[in-house]
Protein backbone atom coordinates (compact mmCIF):
# COMPACT_ATOMS: atom_id res chain seq x y z
CA UNK A 1 110.34 -221.55 -68.94
CA UNK A 2 113.93 -222.18 -69.28
CA UNK A 3 114.41 -218.60 -68.15
CA UNK A 4 113.53 -219.34 -64.81
CA UNK A 5 116.64 -221.22 -63.92
CA UNK A 6 117.95 -222.77 -60.46
CA UNK A 7 117.28 -220.34 -57.96
CA UNK A 8 114.26 -218.51 -59.61
CA UNK A 9 110.67 -218.18 -57.61
CA UNK A 10 107.16 -218.30 -58.75
CA UNK A 11 104.96 -215.36 -58.64
CA UNK A 12 103.12 -216.68 -55.63
CA UNK A 13 105.68 -217.69 -53.59
CA UNK A 14 107.02 -213.80 -53.31
CA UNK A 15 103.61 -213.22 -51.89
CA UNK A 16 104.07 -215.82 -49.51
CA UNK A 17 107.59 -214.36 -48.23
CA UNK A 18 106.51 -210.64 -48.02
CA UNK A 19 103.67 -211.59 -45.76
CA UNK A 20 105.89 -214.09 -43.49
CA UNK A 21 108.52 -210.93 -43.15
CA UNK A 22 106.73 -209.21 -40.65
CA UNK A 23 107.16 -212.12 -38.41
CA UNK A 24 110.42 -213.50 -39.34
CA UNK A 25 112.24 -210.31 -40.06
CA UNK A 26 114.71 -209.21 -37.23
CA UNK A 27 117.95 -207.23 -37.55
CA UNK A 28 120.84 -207.76 -35.62
CA UNK A 29 120.05 -204.70 -33.76
CA UNK A 30 117.08 -206.45 -32.33
CA UNK A 31 118.01 -207.09 -28.83
CA UNK A 32 115.52 -209.56 -28.68
CA UNK A 33 116.86 -211.78 -31.71
CA UNK A 34 118.21 -215.22 -30.29
CA UNK A 35 121.95 -214.91 -30.89
CA UNK A 36 124.65 -217.44 -31.32
CA UNK A 37 127.15 -218.37 -28.34
CA UNK A 38 129.92 -216.39 -28.01
CA UNK A 39 128.23 -213.74 -30.22
CA UNK A 40 129.49 -210.31 -28.08
CA UNK A 41 128.84 -207.76 -30.43
CA UNK A 42 126.93 -205.25 -28.52
CA UNK A 43 123.44 -204.70 -28.62
CA UNK A 44 122.29 -201.39 -30.20
CA UNK A 45 118.69 -200.04 -28.80
CA UNK A 46 115.82 -199.64 -31.77
CA UNK A 47 115.42 -195.89 -30.73
CA UNK A 48 118.53 -195.63 -33.30
CA UNK A 49 116.01 -197.09 -35.88
CA UNK A 50 113.26 -194.83 -35.10
CA UNK A 51 115.59 -191.50 -34.20
CA UNK A 52 116.72 -192.28 -37.71
CA UNK A 53 113.09 -191.86 -39.31
CA UNK A 54 112.53 -189.06 -37.25
CA UNK A 55 115.56 -187.24 -38.45
CA UNK A 56 114.32 -187.76 -42.03
CA UNK A 57 110.91 -186.83 -41.39
CA UNK A 58 110.37 -183.32 -42.86
CA UNK A 59 106.81 -183.09 -41.84
CA UNK A 60 106.17 -180.06 -39.66
CA UNK A 61 103.11 -180.87 -38.02
CA UNK A 62 103.79 -184.34 -36.94
CA UNK A 63 107.56 -182.80 -35.66
CA UNK A 64 105.05 -180.09 -33.56
CA UNK A 65 103.03 -182.99 -32.18
CA UNK A 66 106.10 -184.98 -31.21
CA UNK A 67 107.26 -182.10 -29.00
CA UNK A 68 103.83 -181.42 -27.62
CA UNK A 69 104.19 -184.41 -25.02
CA UNK A 70 107.71 -183.48 -24.16
CA UNK A 71 107.14 -180.02 -23.30
CA UNK A 72 104.21 -180.87 -21.30
CA UNK A 73 106.35 -182.96 -19.27
CA UNK A 74 108.99 -180.72 -18.73
CA UNK A 75 106.30 -178.40 -17.45
CA UNK A 76 105.16 -180.55 -15.21
CA UNK A 77 108.02 -181.51 -13.61
CA UNK A 78 109.43 -178.04 -12.85
CA UNK A 79 106.01 -177.65 -11.24
CA UNK A 80 106.67 -180.42 -9.11
CA UNK A 81 110.14 -179.18 -8.37
CA UNK A 82 109.10 -175.58 -7.45
CA UNK A 83 106.76 -176.97 -5.41
CA UNK A 84 108.96 -179.44 -3.60
CA UNK A 85 111.51 -176.92 -3.07
CA UNK A 86 108.87 -174.14 -1.67
CA UNK A 87 107.47 -177.03 0.60
CA UNK A 88 110.68 -178.01 1.76
CA UNK A 89 111.53 -174.58 2.62
CA UNK A 90 109.00 -174.10 4.90
CA UNK A 91 108.92 -177.22 6.44
CA UNK A 92 112.96 -176.55 7.05
CA UNK A 93 112.70 -173.37 8.41
CA UNK A 94 112.68 -173.28 12.12
CA UNK A 95 109.96 -171.08 13.82
CA UNK A 96 110.69 -167.70 14.30
CA UNK A 97 111.42 -166.26 17.49
CA UNK A 98 108.62 -163.82 19.05
CA UNK A 99 109.59 -160.23 18.88
CA UNK A 100 110.24 -158.39 22.59
CA UNK A 101 107.30 -156.49 23.75
CA UNK A 102 107.90 -152.89 24.96
CA UNK A 103 105.00 -150.89 26.65
CA UNK A 104 105.67 -147.21 27.35
CA UNK A 105 103.57 -145.02 29.47
CA UNK A 106 103.65 -141.09 29.47
CA UNK A 107 101.90 -140.17 32.30
CA UNK A 108 99.53 -137.36 31.82
CA UNK A 109 100.58 -136.61 28.17
CA UNK A 110 97.89 -134.79 26.38
CA UNK A 111 97.59 -135.74 22.92
CA UNK A 112 96.50 -132.16 21.67
CA UNK A 113 99.63 -130.76 22.64
CA UNK A 114 102.00 -133.11 20.84
CA UNK A 115 103.04 -131.98 17.14
CA UNK A 116 102.27 -135.63 15.84
CA UNK A 117 98.67 -134.95 16.31
CA UNK A 118 98.68 -131.81 14.65
CA UNK A 119 99.78 -129.36 17.48
CA UNK A 120 101.76 -126.61 15.34
CA UNK A 121 104.75 -126.51 17.66
CA UNK A 122 107.16 -129.49 17.06
CA UNK A 123 106.85 -130.61 20.99
CA UNK A 124 107.78 -134.47 20.10
CA UNK A 125 110.36 -134.40 17.28
CA UNK A 126 111.08 -138.20 18.29
CA UNK A 127 107.97 -139.36 18.37
CA UNK A 128 107.06 -138.15 15.34
CA UNK A 129 110.26 -140.03 13.70
CA UNK A 130 109.15 -143.19 15.15
CA UNK A 131 105.38 -142.40 14.03
CA UNK A 132 106.88 -142.77 10.04
CA UNK A 133 107.66 -146.45 10.67
CA UNK A 134 104.72 -147.52 12.94
CA UNK A 135 100.98 -147.30 13.26
CA UNK A 136 99.14 -144.29 14.90
CA UNK A 137 95.92 -144.42 16.21
CA UNK A 138 94.36 -140.70 16.13
CA UNK A 139 91.10 -141.70 18.02
CA UNK A 140 92.22 -143.69 20.94
CA UNK A 141 90.30 -142.75 24.25
CA UNK A 142 91.34 -143.13 27.97
CA UNK A 143 88.83 -145.49 29.56
CA UNK A 144 89.99 -143.99 33.10
CA UNK A 145 90.13 -140.26 34.20
CA UNK A 146 93.34 -140.80 35.91
CA UNK A 147 96.42 -142.64 36.40
CA UNK A 148 95.20 -145.92 38.32
CA UNK A 149 92.02 -146.83 36.63
CA UNK A 150 93.92 -146.41 33.14
CA UNK A 151 96.58 -148.20 33.59
CA UNK A 152 94.88 -151.11 35.17
CA UNK A 153 92.68 -151.16 31.56
CA UNK A 154 96.05 -151.17 29.47
CA UNK A 155 97.14 -153.85 31.99
CA UNK A 156 94.21 -156.19 31.70
CA UNK A 157 92.15 -155.07 28.69
CA UNK A 158 89.09 -154.76 30.98
CA UNK A 159 86.95 -151.64 31.37
CA UNK A 160 87.73 -150.24 34.91
CA UNK A 161 84.49 -151.14 36.13
CA UNK A 162 85.63 -155.15 36.31
CA UNK A 163 89.51 -154.49 36.62
CA UNK A 164 88.93 -152.62 39.88
CA UNK A 165 91.88 -150.52 40.68
CA UNK A 166 89.59 -147.72 41.35
CA UNK A 167 89.43 -144.59 43.75
CA UNK A 168 87.99 -145.32 47.41
CA UNK A 169 84.78 -143.57 47.70
CA UNK A 170 85.13 -140.86 49.74
CA UNK A 171 89.09 -140.62 49.98
CA UNK A 172 90.61 -139.48 46.32
CA UNK A 173 93.99 -140.64 47.56
CA UNK A 174 93.36 -144.21 48.34
CA UNK A 175 92.84 -146.55 45.51
CA UNK A 176 91.61 -150.03 45.04
CA UNK A 177 93.85 -153.25 43.83
CA UNK A 178 93.32 -154.68 40.26
CA UNK A 179 90.96 -157.29 40.52
CA UNK A 180 92.19 -160.99 41.27
CA UNK A 181 90.01 -162.06 38.27
CA UNK A 182 91.65 -160.30 35.91
CA UNK A 183 94.83 -161.66 34.50
CA UNK A 184 97.54 -158.87 33.64
CA UNK A 185 99.60 -159.01 30.63
CA UNK A 186 102.77 -159.69 32.45
CA UNK A 187 101.37 -162.73 33.97
CA UNK A 188 100.31 -163.72 30.44
CA UNK A 189 103.34 -163.64 28.88
CA UNK A 190 105.11 -164.95 31.90
CA UNK A 191 103.30 -167.89 31.17
CA UNK A 192 104.65 -167.88 27.71
CA UNK A 193 108.29 -167.65 28.70
CA UNK A 194 108.81 -164.00 28.56
CA UNK A 195 111.14 -162.45 30.72
CA UNK A 196 109.23 -159.54 32.46
CA UNK A 197 110.53 -156.13 33.97
CA UNK A 198 108.85 -152.90 34.82
CA UNK A 199 110.46 -149.50 35.76
CA UNK A 200 108.29 -147.57 37.14
CA UNK A 201 108.25 -143.56 37.83
CA UNK A 202 105.08 -143.40 39.58
CA UNK A 203 105.71 -145.28 42.37
CA UNK A 204 102.84 -143.92 44.09
CA UNK A 205 99.79 -145.21 41.83
CA UNK A 206 101.32 -147.91 39.82
CA UNK A 207 102.57 -149.65 42.95
CA UNK A 208 103.23 -152.89 44.12
CA UNK A 209 100.17 -152.82 46.56
CA UNK A 210 97.45 -152.01 44.13
CA UNK A 211 98.44 -155.16 41.89
CA UNK A 212 100.66 -153.71 38.94
CA UNK A 213 104.02 -156.16 39.62
CA UNK A 214 102.02 -158.89 39.02
CA UNK A 215 103.58 -161.08 36.47
CA UNK A 216 107.05 -159.38 36.84
CA UNK A 217 110.00 -161.28 37.30
CA UNK A 218 111.40 -157.14 38.06
CA UNK A 219 109.79 -154.53 39.47
CA UNK A 220 111.95 -151.14 39.56
CA UNK A 221 109.99 -148.27 41.32
CA UNK A 222 112.88 -146.80 43.57
CA UNK A 223 114.26 -143.15 42.59
CA UNK A 224 113.19 -143.18 39.05
CA UNK A 225 111.56 -139.99 39.07
CA UNK A 226 112.61 -138.72 35.30
CA UNK A 227 112.94 -140.23 32.38
CA UNK A 228 116.34 -140.34 31.92
CA UNK A 229 116.37 -142.36 35.62
CA UNK A 230 113.96 -144.64 33.77
CA UNK A 231 115.81 -145.11 30.81
CA UNK A 232 118.97 -145.63 32.78
CA UNK A 233 117.78 -148.20 34.75
CA UNK A 234 116.48 -149.74 31.88
CA UNK A 235 119.90 -150.03 29.94
CA UNK A 236 121.64 -151.24 33.32
CA UNK A 237 119.37 -154.21 33.54
CA UNK A 238 119.35 -155.10 29.93
CA UNK A 239 120.28 -159.01 30.03
CA UNK A 240 122.79 -159.84 27.45
CA UNK A 241 120.96 -163.32 26.86
CA UNK A 242 118.67 -163.82 24.04
CA UNK A 243 115.13 -164.24 26.65
CA UNK A 244 112.29 -163.02 24.82
CA UNK A 245 111.38 -159.76 27.12
CA UNK A 246 108.55 -157.80 27.98
CA UNK A 247 109.21 -154.38 29.28
CA UNK A 248 107.17 -151.76 30.66
CA UNK A 249 108.27 -148.64 30.99
CA UNK A 250 106.01 -145.42 33.04
CA UNK A 251 107.43 -142.03 32.67
CA UNK A 252 105.97 -139.05 34.78
CA UNK A 253 108.08 -135.89 33.37
CA UNK A 254 104.97 -134.20 32.27
CA UNK A 255 103.06 -134.66 35.43
CA UNK A 256 102.59 -131.82 37.52
CA UNK A 257 104.49 -130.40 39.06
CA UNK A 258 105.80 -129.44 35.56
CA UNK A 259 109.61 -128.88 35.46
CA UNK A 260 110.47 -128.87 32.16
CA UNK A 261 114.67 -128.91 31.24
CA UNK A 262 116.09 -125.47 30.28
CA UNK A 263 115.92 -125.91 26.25
CA UNK A 264 112.24 -126.45 26.39
CA UNK A 265 111.63 -123.45 28.80
CA UNK A 266 113.46 -121.28 26.24
CA UNK A 267 111.54 -122.94 23.14
CA UNK A 268 108.11 -122.36 25.25
CA UNK A 269 108.35 -119.14 27.31
CA UNK A 270 105.69 -118.27 29.87
CA UNK A 271 104.59 -119.54 33.05
CA UNK A 272 101.59 -122.31 33.82
CA UNK A 273 98.79 -119.89 34.68
CA UNK A 274 96.56 -123.10 36.55
CA UNK A 275 96.15 -126.44 36.77
CA UNK A 276 94.09 -128.75 38.54
CA UNK A 277 92.48 -132.14 38.15
CA UNK A 278 89.16 -133.09 36.73
CA UNK A 279 87.78 -134.49 39.92
CA UNK A 280 88.24 -131.39 41.77
CA UNK A 281 86.50 -129.34 38.61
CA UNK A 282 83.29 -131.58 39.07
């Protein structure tokens, strides 16, 4: 009895103090703890105590569980960042400028005498080089048997029976113009703000009077009898501005009367034994 002394506690008092401790125990680090006036000590966040406990916790499963949510959040943020960057780049990128359109027709050129399509002699090395970076069509069939309806079909995308531009009945030298109800490629591209120009060697049949100049801002058809002249006229015209262009070129060099350059005459000796047209032989 005498050993308890002045400051000794009864056994029951210790249990009551321990039960009350969770409510009243607040360290000096607790930011919610009431502080006396004038106390300017810095408040320390609670996470110091929790990080201290985590640092001394050596249990591997608990450590793995504590990292997994962090990794998931980081991965999710990375995905969101990639999506945001990709979407932002798509929105910020200005619309691409439509490509220029160049249409070249080599009048009366026979595919079966072009090396690009299997002819044994190298008759078209430039076309072969171009085809290596292009798309070729091995079974393309002309919808017409001569210049006017064939060009009209190319210009309108319609059969000659609708596009018109066919031969006048009873006269093999006259043709009817393109049907006004069939819009031409030049007209459609002109409406889409393309600058349109044509350079025509076969001015007798790819003619203004037959409707082939419809939709073109410039239609050059004078004294362009050879491919060199067509190319020269195009280069003189080629505008220095950034307009979108639609250029049509008609080349007539293989047409009869055929007069190849000297170098080609030496490579392919011999004379043309006969020539004619499908219409005259039927």
